Amino acid sequence: MAPSRVLAAVLLALVSAAAVAADSVTTTSTSPPVVWQKGAHATFYGGADASGTMGGACGYGNLYAAGYGSRTAALSTVLFNDGASCGQCYKIACDRKENPALCIPGVTVTVTATNFCPPNWGYPDGGWCNTVRPHFDMAQPAWEKIGADTRNGIIPVIYQRVPCVRRGGVRFTINGHDYFNLVLVTNVAGAGSIKSMDVKSSDSADWMPMARNWGANWHSLAYLSGKMLSFRVTLTDGQTLVFSNVVPPGWTFGLTFASNLQFK
């Protein structure tokens, strides 16, 4: 091979290697830095077995039967967001920089938002769960993972939103009556919280928007009784899934229907 061709081949190889290296740098994805939110506190409620946490402002009912267990929390007003935060997951750690004596070091606990902690207007500012303070009223077993002494009752915490991890698919429980379908959505992974929801019956080609009724309950005012139903659910992070024909024909109120689909 002529010297000029050898030089050209070497230069081409070097340019190609540089391009590959450049691509490797520009296409390598990096996770955003973990940002812990400060200035919050946590109390606990519900007893050592968390029996007092059942029900709640999100409408999940029996939290054990619904799969949420005792790793749950009631959120203060600013976090609860009128129920739009139902189902969200938070990683929480006791803030040892504020008071190390109150904390179990090196431990975090992840909880699901299942309830609302209202302000206590018996106090001038509304207490720990006032309208502007971020606060977690945690199920006692979850609080005990990070709090050193239940006799103290309140600890400073740092927290961050994290993706929810669930087993199995999203579930839909239908309550109500003719012309009022109240659908409770549970076992939602990913962002955990729902932004919007639509329903479509087997005898229609159109999606009908549903409205948040309370907590994780969404309603439709159409006559859907006994019809095969599909749901389209969009989470607060923008993920959308269509649960086609998840409710079979001939259904009755009070039943829960499990899908095979789950959010990431």
C-alpha atoms as a PDB file:
ATOM      1  CA  MET A   1       0.000   0.000   0.000  1.00  0.00           C
ATOM      2  CA  ALA A   2       1.302   3.453  -0.858  1.00  0.00           C
ATOM      3  CA  PRO A   3       2.512   5.586   2.088  1.00  0.00           C
ATOM      4  CA  SER A   4      -0.185   8.188   1.384  1.00  0.00           C
ATOM      5  CA  ARG A   5      -2.892   5.510   1.571  1.00  0.00           C
ATOM      6  CA  VAL A   6      -1.437   4.160   4.824  1.00  0.00           C
ATOM      7  CA  LEU A   7      -1.468   7.655   6.336  1.00  0.00           C
ATOM      8  CA  ALA A   8      -5.057   8.190   5.185  1.00  0.00           C
ATOM      9  CA  ALA A   9      -6.144   4.867   6.713  1.00  0.00           C
ATOM     10  CA  VAL A  10      -4.467   5.734  10.028  1.00  0.00           C
ATOM     11  CA  LEU A  11      -6.115   9.160  10.099  1.00  0.00           C
ATOM     12  CA  LEU A  12      -9.511   7.614   9.301  1.00  0.00           C
ATOM     13  CA  ALA A  13      -9.105   5.106  12.127  1.00  0.00           C
ATOM     14  CA  LEU A  14      -8.183   7.843  14.560  1.00  0.00           C
ATOM     15  CA  VAL A  15     -11.161   9.967  13.533  1.00  0.00           C
ATOM     16  CA  SER A  16     -13.485   6.971  13.869  1.00  0.00           C
ATOM     17  CA  ALA A  17     -12.123   6.137  17.312  1.00  0.00           C
ATOM     18  CA  ALA A  18     -12.561   9.744  18.388  1.00  0.00           C
ATOM     19  CA  ALA A  19     -16.123   9.730  17.095  1.00  0.00           C
ATOM     20  CA  VAL A  20     -16.905   6.540  19.009  1.00  0.00           C
ATOM     21  CA  ALA A  21     -15.395   8.011  22.153  1.00  0.00           C
ATOM     22  CA  ALA A  22     -17.401  11.203  21.674  1.00  0.00           C
ATOM     23  CA  ASP A  23     -20.607   9.224  21.147  1.00  0.00           C
ATOM     24  CA  SER A  24     -19.902   7.231  24.286  1.00  0.00           C
ATOM     25  CA  VAL A  25     -19.649  10.430  26.268  1.00  0.00           C
ATOM     26  CA  THR A  26     -22.709  12.122  24.830  1.00  0.00           C
ATOM     27  CA  THR A  27     -25.001   9.112  24.901  1.00  0.00           C
ATOM     28  CA  THR A  28     -24.139   7.857  28.381  1.00  0.00           C
ATOM     29  CA  SER A  29     -27.153   8.584  30.540  1.00  0.00           C
ATOM     30  CA  THR A  30     -26.608   9.799  34.063  1.00  0.00           C
ATOM     31  CA  SER A  31     -29.220   9.671  36.787  1.00  0.00           C
ATOM     32  CA  PRO A  32     -30.136  13.006  38.301  1.00  0.00           C
ATOM     33  CA  PRO A  33     -28.544  13.597  41.681  1.00  0.00           C
ATOM     34  CA  VAL A  34     -30.571  12.439  44.639  1.00  0.00           C
ATOM     35  CA  VAL A  35     -32.077  15.476  46.321  1.00  0.00           C
ATOM     36  CA  TRP A  36     -33.260  15.055  49.876  1.00  0.00           C
ATOM     37  CA  GLN A  37     -35.869  17.532  51.029  1.00  0.00           C
ATOM     38  CA  LYS A  38     -35.252  18.970  54.482  1.00  0.00           C
ATOM     39  CA  GLY A  39     -37.328  20.713  57.098  1.00  0.00           C
ATOM     40  CA  ALA A  40     -40.001  18.032  57.592  1.00  0.00           C
ATOM     41  CA  HIS A  41     -40.999  16.057  60.671  1.00  0.00           C
ATOM     42  CA  ALA A  42     -42.680  12.729  61.297  1.00  0.00           C
ATOM     43  CA  THR A  43     -45.074  11.482  63.948  1.00  0.00           C
ATOM     44  CA  PHE A  44     -46.837   8.114  64.126  1.00  0.00           C
ATOM     45  CA  TYR A  45     -50.347   6.755  64.566  1.00  0.00           C
ATOM     46  CA  GLY A  46     -52.362   3.567  64.277  1.00  0.00           C
ATOM     47  CA  GLY A  47     -50.840   1.420  66.990  1.00  0.00           C
ATOM     48  CA  ALA A  48     -48.060  -1.147  66.933  1.00  0.00           C
ATOM     49  CA  ASP A  49     -50.016  -3.335  64.485  1.00  0.00           C
ATOM     50  CA  ALA A  50     -51.066  -0.363  62.297  1.00  0.00           C
ATOM     51  CA  SER A  51     -54.730  -1.361  62.733  1.00  0.00           C
ATOM     52  CA  GLY A  52     -55.663   2.272  63.274  1.00  0.00           C
ATOM     53  CA  THR A  53     -54.408   3.244  59.818  1.00  0.00           C
ATOM     54  CA  MET A  54     -57.056   1.291  57.899  1.00  0.00           C
ATOM     55  CA  GLY A  55     -59.391   3.287  55.680  1.00  0.00           C
ATOM     56  CA  GLY A  56     -58.160   6.829  55.306  1.00  0.00           C
ATOM     57  CA  ALA A  57     -58.622   9.749  52.954  1.00  0.00           C
ATOM     58  CA  CYS A  58     -57.340   7.909  49.879  1.00  0.00           C
ATOM     59  CA  GLY A  59     -60.022   5.237  50.120  1.00  0.00           C
ATOM     60  CA  TYR A  60     -57.783   2.170  50.037  1.00  0.00           C
ATOM     61  CA  GLY A  61     -59.747   0.472  52.817  1.00  0.00           C
ATOM     62  CA  ASN A  62     -57.934  -2.423  54.481  1.00  0.00           C
ATOM     63  CA  LEU A  63     -54.309  -1.593  53.724  1.00  0.00           C
ATOM     64  CA  TYR A  64     -53.159  -5.150  54.328  1.00  0.00           C
ATOM     65  CA  ALA A  65     -55.717  -6.583  51.913  1.00  0.00           C
ATOM     66  CA  ALA A  66     -54.856  -3.865  49.381  1.00  0.00           C
ATOM     67  CA  GLY A  67     -51.157  -4.773  49.547  1.00  0.00           C
ATOM     68  CA  TYR A  68     -49.839  -1.627  51.247  1.00  0.00           C
ATOM     69  CA  GLY A  69     -49.244  -3.174  54.661  1.00  0.00           C
ATOM     70  CA  SER A  70     -47.838  -0.993  57.426  1.00  0.00           C
ATOM     71  CA  ARG A  71     -45.354   1.037  55.358  1.00  0.00           C
ATOM     72  CA  THR A  72     -47.783   3.930  54.959  1.00  0.00           C
ATOM     73  CA  ALA A  73     -48.218   7.555  55.967  1.00  0.00           C
ATOM     74  CA  ALA A  74     -50.762  10.325  56.192  1.00  0.00           C
ATOM     75  CA  LEU A  75     -49.552  13.512  54.483  1.00  0.00           C
ATOM     76  CA  SER A  76     -49.988  17.095  55.602  1.00  0.00           C
ATOM     77  CA  THR A  77     -51.972  19.521  53.445  1.00  0.00           C
ATOM     78  CA  VAL A  78     -49.078  20.783  51.332  1.00  0.00           C
ATOM     79  CA  LEU A  79     -48.031  17.217  50.440  1.00  0.00           C
ATOM     80  CA  PHE A  80     -51.501  15.631  50.164  1.00  0.00           C
ATOM     81  CA  ASN A  81     -52.604  18.086  47.463  1.00  0.00           C
ATOM     82  CA  ASP A  82     -56.348  17.412  47.856  1.00  0.00           C
ATOM     83  CA  GLY A  83     -55.822  13.698  47.246  1.00  0.00           C
ATOM     84  CA  ALA A  84     -53.741  14.033  44.082  1.00  0.00           C
ATOM     85  CA  SER A  85     -50.774  12.538  45.974  1.00  0.00           C
ATOM     86  CA  CYS A  86     -52.574   9.342  46.967  1.00  0.00           C
ATOM     87  CA  GLY A  87     -50.417   6.342  46.102  1.00  0.00           C
ATOM     88  CA  GLN A  88     -47.125   8.235  45.919  1.00  0.00           C
ATOM     89  CA  CYS A  89     -44.061   6.722  47.572  1.00  0.00           C
ATOM     90  CA  TYR A  90     -41.561   8.532  49.767  1.00  0.00           C
ATOM     91  CA  LYS A  91     -38.208   7.432  51.101  1.00  0.00           C
ATOM     92  CA  ILE A  92     -37.729   8.881  54.577  1.00  0.00           C
ATOM     93  CA  ALA A  93     -34.759   9.057  56.930  1.00  0.00           C
ATOM     94  CA  CYS A  94     -34.448  10.565  60.374  1.00  0.00           C
ATOM     95  CA  ASP A  95     -32.368  13.755  60.195  1.00  0.00           C
ATOM     96  CA  ARG A  96     -29.408  13.071  62.473  1.00  0.00           C
ATOM     97  CA  LYS A  97     -27.987  16.518  61.790  1.00  0.00           C
ATOM     98  CA  GLU A  98     -30.957  17.983  63.630  1.00  0.00           C
ATOM     99  CA  ASN A  99     -30.959  15.620  66.609  1.00  0.00           C
ATOM    100  CA  PRO A 100     -28.931  12.388  66.453  1.00  0.00           C
ATOM    101  CA  ALA A 101     -30.341  11.126  69.757  1.00  0.00           C
ATOM    102  CA  LEU A 102     -33.769  10.723  68.168  1.00  0.00           C
ATOM    103  CA  CYS A 103     -32.609   8.722  65.148  1.00  0.00           C
ATOM    104  CA  ILE A 104     -31.705   5.182  64.210  1.00  0.00           C
ATOM    105  CA  PRO A 105     -28.611   5.802  62.065  1.00  0.00           C
ATOM    106  CA  GLY A 106     -28.118   4.540  58.524  1.00  0.00           C
ATOM    107  CA  VAL A 107     -31.712   3.448  57.965  1.00  0.00           C
ATOM    108  CA  THR A 108     -34.395   4.613  55.558  1.00  0.00           C
ATOM    109  CA  VAL A 109     -37.993   3.508  55.140  1.00  0.00           C
ATOM    110  CA  THR A 110     -40.217   3.828  52.064  1.00  0.00           C
ATOM    111  CA  VAL A 111     -43.887   4.555  52.671  1.00  0.00           C
ATOM    112  CA  THR A 112     -46.983   4.962  50.509  1.00  0.00           C
ATOM    113  CA  ALA A 113     -49.285   7.954  50.921  1.00  0.00           C
ATOM    114  CA  THR A 114     -52.632   6.495  51.996  1.00  0.00           C
ATOM    115  CA  ASN A 115     -54.177   9.144  54.231  1.00  0.00           C
ATOM    116  CA  PHE A 116     -54.458  12.850  55.054  1.00  0.00           C
ATOM    117  CA  CYS A 117     -53.142  14.471  58.222  1.00  0.00           C
ATOM    118  CA  PRO A 118     -55.371  17.521  58.798  1.00  0.00           C
ATOM    119  CA  PRO A 119     -54.365  20.680  60.644  1.00  0.00           C
ATOM    120  CA  ASN A 120     -55.186  20.814  64.330  1.00  0.00           C
ATOM    121  CA  TRP A 121     -56.717  24.226  64.811  1.00  0.00           C
ATOM    122  CA  GLY A 122     -56.526  23.760  68.573  1.00  0.00           C
ATOM    123  CA  TYR A 123     -53.035  25.164  68.066  1.00  0.00           C
ATOM    124  CA  PRO A 124     -52.507  28.753  66.841  1.00  0.00           C
ATOM    125  CA  ASP A 125     -50.699  27.659  63.657  1.00  0.00           C
ATOM    126  CA  GLY A 126     -52.562  24.388  63.019  1.00  0.00           C
ATOM    127  CA  GLY A 127     -49.963  22.147  64.630  1.00  0.00           C
ATOM    128  CA  TRP A 128     -47.492  19.834  62.926  1.00  0.00           C
ATOM    129  CA  CYS A 129     -49.872  19.092  60.047  1.00  0.00           C
ATOM    130  CA  ASN A 130     -50.706  22.712  59.326  1.00  0.00           C
ATOM    131  CA  THR A 131     -51.364  23.801  55.759  1.00  0.00           C
ATOM    132  CA  VAL A 132     -47.807  24.829  54.876  1.00  0.00           C
ATOM    133  CA  ARG A 133     -45.524  22.436  56.757  1.00  0.00           C
ATOM    134  CA  PRO A 134     -44.422  19.147  55.086  1.00  0.00           C
ATOM    135  CA  HIS A 135     -45.205  16.442  57.595  1.00  0.00           C
ATOM    136  CA  PHE A 136     -45.579  12.651  57.649  1.00  0.00           C
ATOM    137  CA  ASP A 137     -47.866  10.993  60.171  1.00  0.00           C
ATOM    138  CA  MET A 138     -46.509   7.505  59.649  1.00  0.00           C
ATOM    139  CA  ALA A 139     -47.906   4.112  60.588  1.00  0.00           C
ATOM    140  CA  GLN A 140     -46.154   3.217  63.830  1.00  0.00           C
ATOM    141  CA  PRO A 141     -44.250   0.166  62.467  1.00  0.00           C
ATOM    142  CA  ALA A 142     -42.801   2.322  59.676  1.00  0.00           C
ATOM    143  CA  TRP A 143     -41.866   5.147  62.067  1.00  0.00           C
ATOM    144  CA  GLU A 144     -40.109   2.707  64.369  1.00  0.00           C
ATOM    145  CA  LYS A 145     -37.716   1.801  61.547  1.00  0.00           C
ATOM    146  CA  ILE A 146     -36.124   5.254  61.786  1.00  0.00           C
ATOM    147  CA  GLY A 147     -37.179   6.708  65.158  1.00  0.00           C
ATOM    148  CA  ALA A 148     -35.146   5.700  68.177  1.00  0.00           C
ATOM    149  CA  ASP A 149     -37.785   6.092  70.880  1.00  0.00           C
ATOM    150  CA  THR A 150     -41.583   6.043  70.562  1.00  0.00           C
ATOM    151  CA  ARG A 151     -41.844   7.958  73.841  1.00  0.00           C
ATOM    152  CA  ASN A 152     -40.568  11.039  72.027  1.00  0.00           C
ATOM    153  CA  GLY A 153     -43.235  10.794  69.352  1.00  0.00           C
ATOM    154  CA  ILE A 154     -41.803  13.214  66.789  1.00  0.00           C
ATOM    155  CA  ILE A 155     -38.576  13.290  64.813  1.00  0.00           C
ATOM    156  CA  PRO A 156     -37.008  15.577  62.201  1.00  0.00           C
ATOM    157  CA  VAL A 157     -36.786  13.857  58.809  1.00  0.00           C
ATOM    158  CA  ILE A 158     -35.447  14.252  55.307  1.00  0.00           C
ATOM    159  CA  TYR A 159     -37.406  12.761  52.425  1.00  0.00           C
ATOM    160  CA  GLN A 160     -37.586  12.249  48.672  1.00  0.00           C
ATOM    161  CA  ARG A 161     -40.152  10.977  46.164  1.00  0.00           C
ATOM    162  CA  VAL A 162     -39.229   7.556  44.794  1.00  0.00           C
ATOM    163  CA  PRO A 163     -40.873   5.202  42.276  1.00  0.00           C
ATOM    164  CA  CYS A 164     -43.350   2.767  43.805  1.00  0.00           C
ATOM    165  CA  VAL A 165     -42.652  -0.952  43.456  1.00  0.00           C
ATOM    166  CA  ARG A 166     -45.715  -3.221  43.316  1.00  0.00           C
ATOM    167  CA  ARG A 167     -46.380  -6.908  42.758  1.00  0.00           C
ATOM    168  CA  GLY A 168     -48.872  -7.847  40.071  1.00  0.00           C
ATOM    169  CA  GLY A 169     -50.961  -5.503  37.970  1.00  0.00           C
ATOM    170  CA  VAL A 170     -53.064  -2.432  38.631  1.00  0.00           C
ATOM    171  CA  ARG A 171     -56.434  -3.213  40.244  1.00  0.00           C
ATOM    172  CA  PHE A 172     -59.839  -1.598  39.811  1.00  0.00           C
ATOM    173  CA  THR A 173     -62.667  -1.817  42.347  1.00  0.00           C
ATOM    174  CA  ILE A 174     -66.088  -0.625  41.156  1.00  0.00           C
ATOM    175  CA  ASN A 175     -68.622   0.732  43.636  1.00  0.00           C
ATOM    176  CA  GLY A 176     -71.622   3.008  43.240  1.00  0.00           C
ATOM    177  CA  HIS A 177     -74.850   2.350  41.348  1.00  0.00           C
ATOM    178  CA  ASP A 178     -76.406   2.854  37.899  1.00  0.00           C
ATOM    179  CA  TYR A 179     -75.278   6.180  36.387  1.00  0.00           C
ATOM    180  CA  PHE A 180     -72.669   6.595  39.133  1.00  0.00           C
ATOM    181  CA  ASN A 181     -69.598   4.393  38.830  1.00  0.00           C
ATOM    182  CA  LEU A 182     -67.014   4.965  41.548  1.00  0.00           C
ATOM    183  CA  VAL A 183     -63.737   3.273  40.616  1.00  0.00           C
ATOM    184  CA  LEU A 184     -60.975   2.823  43.179  1.00  0.00           C
ATOM    185  CA  VAL A 185     -57.544   2.314  41.569  1.00  0.00           C
ATOM    186  CA  THR A 186     -54.987   0.464  43.676  1.00  0.00           C
ATOM    187  CA  ASN A 187     -51.587  -1.240  43.437  1.00  0.00           C
ATOM    188  CA  VAL A 188     -50.171   1.441  41.129  1.00  0.00           C
ATOM    189  CA  ALA A 189     -46.397   1.323  40.593  1.00  0.00           C
ATOM    190  CA  GLY A 190     -44.157   4.019  39.128  1.00  0.00           C
ATOM    191  CA  ALA A 191     -45.274   7.493  40.147  1.00  0.00           C
ATOM    192  CA  GLY A 192     -48.081   5.886  42.139  1.00  0.00           C
ATOM    193  CA  SER A 193     -50.441   8.844  41.789  1.00  0.00           C
ATOM    194  CA  ILE A 194     -52.987   9.331  39.005  1.00  0.00           C
ATOM    195  CA  LYS A 195     -53.334  12.495  36.930  1.00  0.00           C
ATOM    196  CA  SER A 196     -56.293  11.511  34.745  1.00  0.00           C
ATOM    197  CA  MET A 197     -58.477   8.541  33.908  1.00  0.00           C
ATOM    198  CA  ASP A 198     -60.924   7.593  31.151  1.00  0.00           C
ATOM    199  CA  VAL A 199     -63.382   4.751  30.658  1.00  0.00           C
ATOM    200  CA  LYS A 200     -64.730   3.072  27.519  1.00  0.00           C
ATOM    201  CA  SER A 201     -67.521   0.512  27.318  1.00  0.00           C
ATOM    202  CA  SER A 202     -67.669  -2.357  24.846  1.00  0.00           C
ATOM    203  CA  ASP A 203     -70.618  -0.771  23.001  1.00  0.00           C
ATOM    204  CA  SER A 204     -68.802   2.522  22.334  1.00  0.00           C
ATOM    205  CA  ALA A 205     -65.728   3.620  20.424  1.00  0.00           C
ATOM    206  CA  ASP A 206     -65.265   6.768  22.514  1.00  0.00           C
ATOM    207  CA  TRP A 207     -63.303   7.317  25.683  1.00  0.00           C
ATOM    208  CA  MET A 208     -65.221   9.155  28.405  1.00  0.00           C
ATOM    209  CA  PRO A 209     -63.220  11.231  30.901  1.00  0.00           C
ATOM    210  CA  MET A 210     -63.632  10.402  34.560  1.00  0.00           C
ATOM    211  CA  ALA A 211     -63.269  12.837  37.461  1.00  0.00           C
ATOM    212  CA  ARG A 212     -61.495  12.432  40.765  1.00  0.00           C
ATOM    213  CA  ASN A 213     -64.202  12.002  43.360  1.00  0.00           C
ATOM    214  CA  TRP A 214     -62.009  11.688  46.448  1.00  0.00           C
ATOM    215  CA  GLY A 215     -58.592  10.222  47.133  1.00  0.00           C
ATOM    216  CA  ALA A 216     -57.870   7.427  44.669  1.00  0.00           C
ATOM    217  CA  ASN A 217     -61.545   7.129  43.656  1.00  0.00           C
ATOM    218  CA  TRP A 218     -62.626   8.269  40.186  1.00  0.00           C
ATOM    219  CA  HIS A 219     -66.218   8.495  38.995  1.00  0.00           C
ATOM    220  CA  SER A 220     -68.231   8.382  35.793  1.00  0.00           C
ATOM    221  CA  LEU A 221     -71.887   9.426  35.458  1.00  0.00           C
ATOM    222  CA  ALA A 222     -72.610   7.230  32.415  1.00  0.00           C
ATOM    223  CA  TYR A 223     -74.700   4.069  32.454  1.00  0.00           C
ATOM    224  CA  LEU A 224     -72.088   1.322  32.322  1.00  0.00           C
ATOM    225  CA  SER A 225     -73.669  -1.434  34.410  1.00  0.00           C
ATOM    226  CA  GLY A 226     -72.804  -4.924  33.204  1.00  0.00           C
ATOM    227  CA  LYS A 227     -70.865  -3.745  30.155  1.00  0.00           C
ATOM    228  CA  MET A 228     -67.304  -4.810  29.391  1.00  0.00           C
ATOM    229  CA  LEU A 229     -65.079  -1.893  30.404  1.00  0.00           C
ATOM    230  CA  SER A 230     -61.627  -0.573  29.543  1.00  0.00           C
ATOM    231  CA  PHE A 231     -59.725   2.096  31.444  1.00  0.00           C
ATOM    232  CA  ARG A 232     -57.055   4.526  30.282  1.00  0.00           C
ATOM    233  CA  VAL A 233     -54.926   5.769  33.162  1.00  0.00           C
ATOM    234  CA  THR A 234     -52.309   8.526  33.088  1.00  0.00           C
ATOM    235  CA  LEU A 235     -49.969   8.986  36.037  1.00  0.00           C
ATOM    236  CA  THR A 236     -48.608  12.271  37.320  1.00  0.00           C
ATOM    237  CA  ASP A 237     -45.284  11.557  35.604  1.00  0.00           C
ATOM    238  CA  GLY A 238     -47.003  11.274  32.191  1.00  0.00           C
ATOM    239  CA  GLN A 239     -47.022   7.477  31.813  1.00  0.00           C
ATOM    240  CA  THR A 240     -50.229   6.181  30.222  1.00  0.00           C
ATOM    241  CA  LEU A 241     -51.524   2.623  30.046  1.00  0.00           C
ATOM    242  CA  VAL A 242     -54.690   1.273  28.470  1.00  0.00           C
ATOM    243  CA  PHE A 243     -56.324  -1.590  30.370  1.00  0.00           C
ATOM    244  CA  SER A 244     -58.393  -3.104  27.584  1.00  0.00           C
ATOM    245  CA  ASN A 245     -61.468  -5.093  28.626  1.00  0.00           C
ATOM    246  CA  VAL A 246     -60.165  -5.392  32.176  1.00  0.00           C
ATOM    247  CA  VAL A 247     -63.742  -5.524  33.490  1.00  0.00           C
ATOM    248  CA  PRO A 248     -65.697  -8.446  31.951  1.00  0.00           C
ATOM    249  CA  PRO A 249     -69.351  -8.241  30.925  1.00  0.00           C
ATOM    250  CA  GLY A 250     -71.919  -8.989  33.582  1.00  0.00           C
ATOM    251  CA  TRP A 251     -69.928  -7.428  36.423  1.00  0.00           C
ATOM    252  CA  THR A 252     -71.614  -6.207  39.591  1.00  0.00           C
ATOM    253  CA  PHE A 253     -70.764  -3.431  42.012  1.00  0.00           C
ATOM    254  CA  GLY A 254     -68.355  -4.151  44.841  1.00  0.00           C
ATOM    255  CA  LEU A 255     -65.998  -6.380  42.845  1.00  0.00           C
ATOM    256  CA  THR A 256     -62.261  -5.872  42.219  1.00  0.00           C
ATOM    257  CA  PHE A 257     -60.708  -6.618  38.834  1.00  0.00           C
ATOM    258  CA  ALA A 258     -56.944  -7.192  38.532  1.00  0.00           C
ATOM    259  CA  SER A 259     -55.080  -6.398  35.343  1.00  0.00           C
ATOM    260  CA  ASN A 260     -51.897  -7.910  33.954  1.00  0.00           C
ATOM    261  CA  LEU A 261     -50.375  -4.500  33.263  1.00  0.00           C
ATOM    262  CA  GLN A 262     -48.224  -2.367  35.517  1.00  0.00           C
ATOM    263  CA  PHE A 263     -46.476   0.999  35.310  1.00  0.00           C
ATOM    264  CA  LYS A 264     -42.703   1.328  35.422  1.00  0.00           C
END
